[in-house]
Amino acid sequence: MPVRLKKFIGTILMILLVVVYAVLATAYASLHLAEASGWIHLVYFFFTGILWVVPAMFLIRWMETGPKR
């Protein structure tokens, strides 16, 4: 697969990943953490804010690999 096509597909997937992840994390917090204290919200959003980096890291690594010979 050409590198330009991989980067285009990866960019679209990255945007979808961030949007879907943000919606799901916020929906979960709204449903399950509505009555929790501010500290629980702070810890939850800190970890969920960092957690999306893991799949993004694998996606970026895939985007940067060259074509197979």
Protein backbone atom coordinates (compact mmCIF):
# COMPACT_ATOMS: atom_id res chain seq x y z
CA MET A 1 0.00 0.00 0.00
CA PRO A 2 1.46 3.41 -0.89
CA VAL A 3 2.58 5.58 2.02
CA ARG A 4 0.34 8.48 1.00
CA LEU A 5 -2.72 6.24 1.03
CA LYS A 6 -1.74 4.80 4.44
CA LYS A 7 -1.37 8.33 5.84
CA PHE A 8 -4.73 9.38 4.42
CA ILE A 9 -6.51 6.34 5.85
CA GLY A 10 -4.65 6.75 9.14
CA THR A 11 -5.66 10.40 9.41
CA ILE A 12 -9.33 9.56 8.88
CA LEU A 13 -9.10 6.72 11.43
CA MET A 14 -7.34 8.99 13.94
CA ILE A 15 -10.10 11.59 13.68
CA LEU A 16 -12.75 8.90 14.12
CA LEU A 17 -10.85 7.41 17.06
CA VAL A 18 -10.66 10.72 18.90
CA VAL A 19 -14.29 11.67 18.28
CA VAL A 20 -15.76 8.26 19.17
CA TYR A 21 -13.48 7.87 22.19
CA ALA A 22 -14.36 11.32 23.52
CA VAL A 23 -18.09 10.71 23.12
CA LEU A 24 -17.94 7.30 24.79
CA ALA A 25 -15.76 8.52 27.67
CA THR A 26 -18.03 11.49 28.32
CA ALA A 27 -21.20 9.39 28.06
CA TYR A 28 -19.82 6.85 30.52
CA ALA A 29 -18.87 9.63 32.93
CA SER A 30 -22.30 11.22 32.62
CA LEU A 31 -24.09 7.95 33.33
CA HIS A 32 -21.90 6.44 36.04
CA LEU A 33 -20.09 9.34 37.68
CA ALA A 34 -22.90 11.88 37.95
CA GLU A 35 -22.96 11.80 41.75
CA ALA A 36 -19.21 11.32 42.25
CA SER A 37 -16.96 13.94 43.77
CA GLY A 38 -14.83 16.34 41.78
CA TRP A 39 -11.70 14.34 42.59
CA ILE A 40 -13.17 11.22 41.00
CA HIS A 41 -14.00 13.23 37.89
CA LEU A 42 -10.48 14.66 37.81
CA VAL A 43 -8.87 11.22 38.05
CA TYR A 44 -11.28 9.68 35.52
CA PHE A 45 -10.78 12.36 32.89
CA PHE A 46 -7.03 12.42 33.50
CA PHE A 47 -6.70 8.71 32.77
CA THR A 48 -9.21 8.64 29.93
CA GLY A 49 -7.47 11.68 28.44
CA ILE A 50 -4.21 9.75 28.35
CA LEU A 51 -5.64 6.34 27.45
CA TRP A 52 -6.53 7.26 23.85
CA VAL A 53 -2.83 7.65 23.12
CA VAL A 54 -2.28 3.85 23.15
CA PRO A 55 -4.39 3.02 20.07
CA ALA A 56 -3.23 6.24 18.40
CA MET A 57 0.39 5.17 18.92
CA PHE A 58 -0.22 1.89 17.08
CA LEU A 59 -2.08 3.70 14.31
CA ILE A 60 0.75 6.19 13.84
CA ARG A 61 3.30 3.38 13.81
CA TRP A 62 1.28 1.65 11.07
CA MET A 63 1.05 4.89 9.08
CA GLU A 64 4.81 5.42 9.19
CA THR A 65 5.84 1.98 7.97
CA GLY A 66 6.96 1.91 4.38
CA PRO A 67 5.53 -0.28 1.65
CA LYS A 68 6.45 -3.96 1.68
CA ARG A 69 8.95 -4.97 -0.97
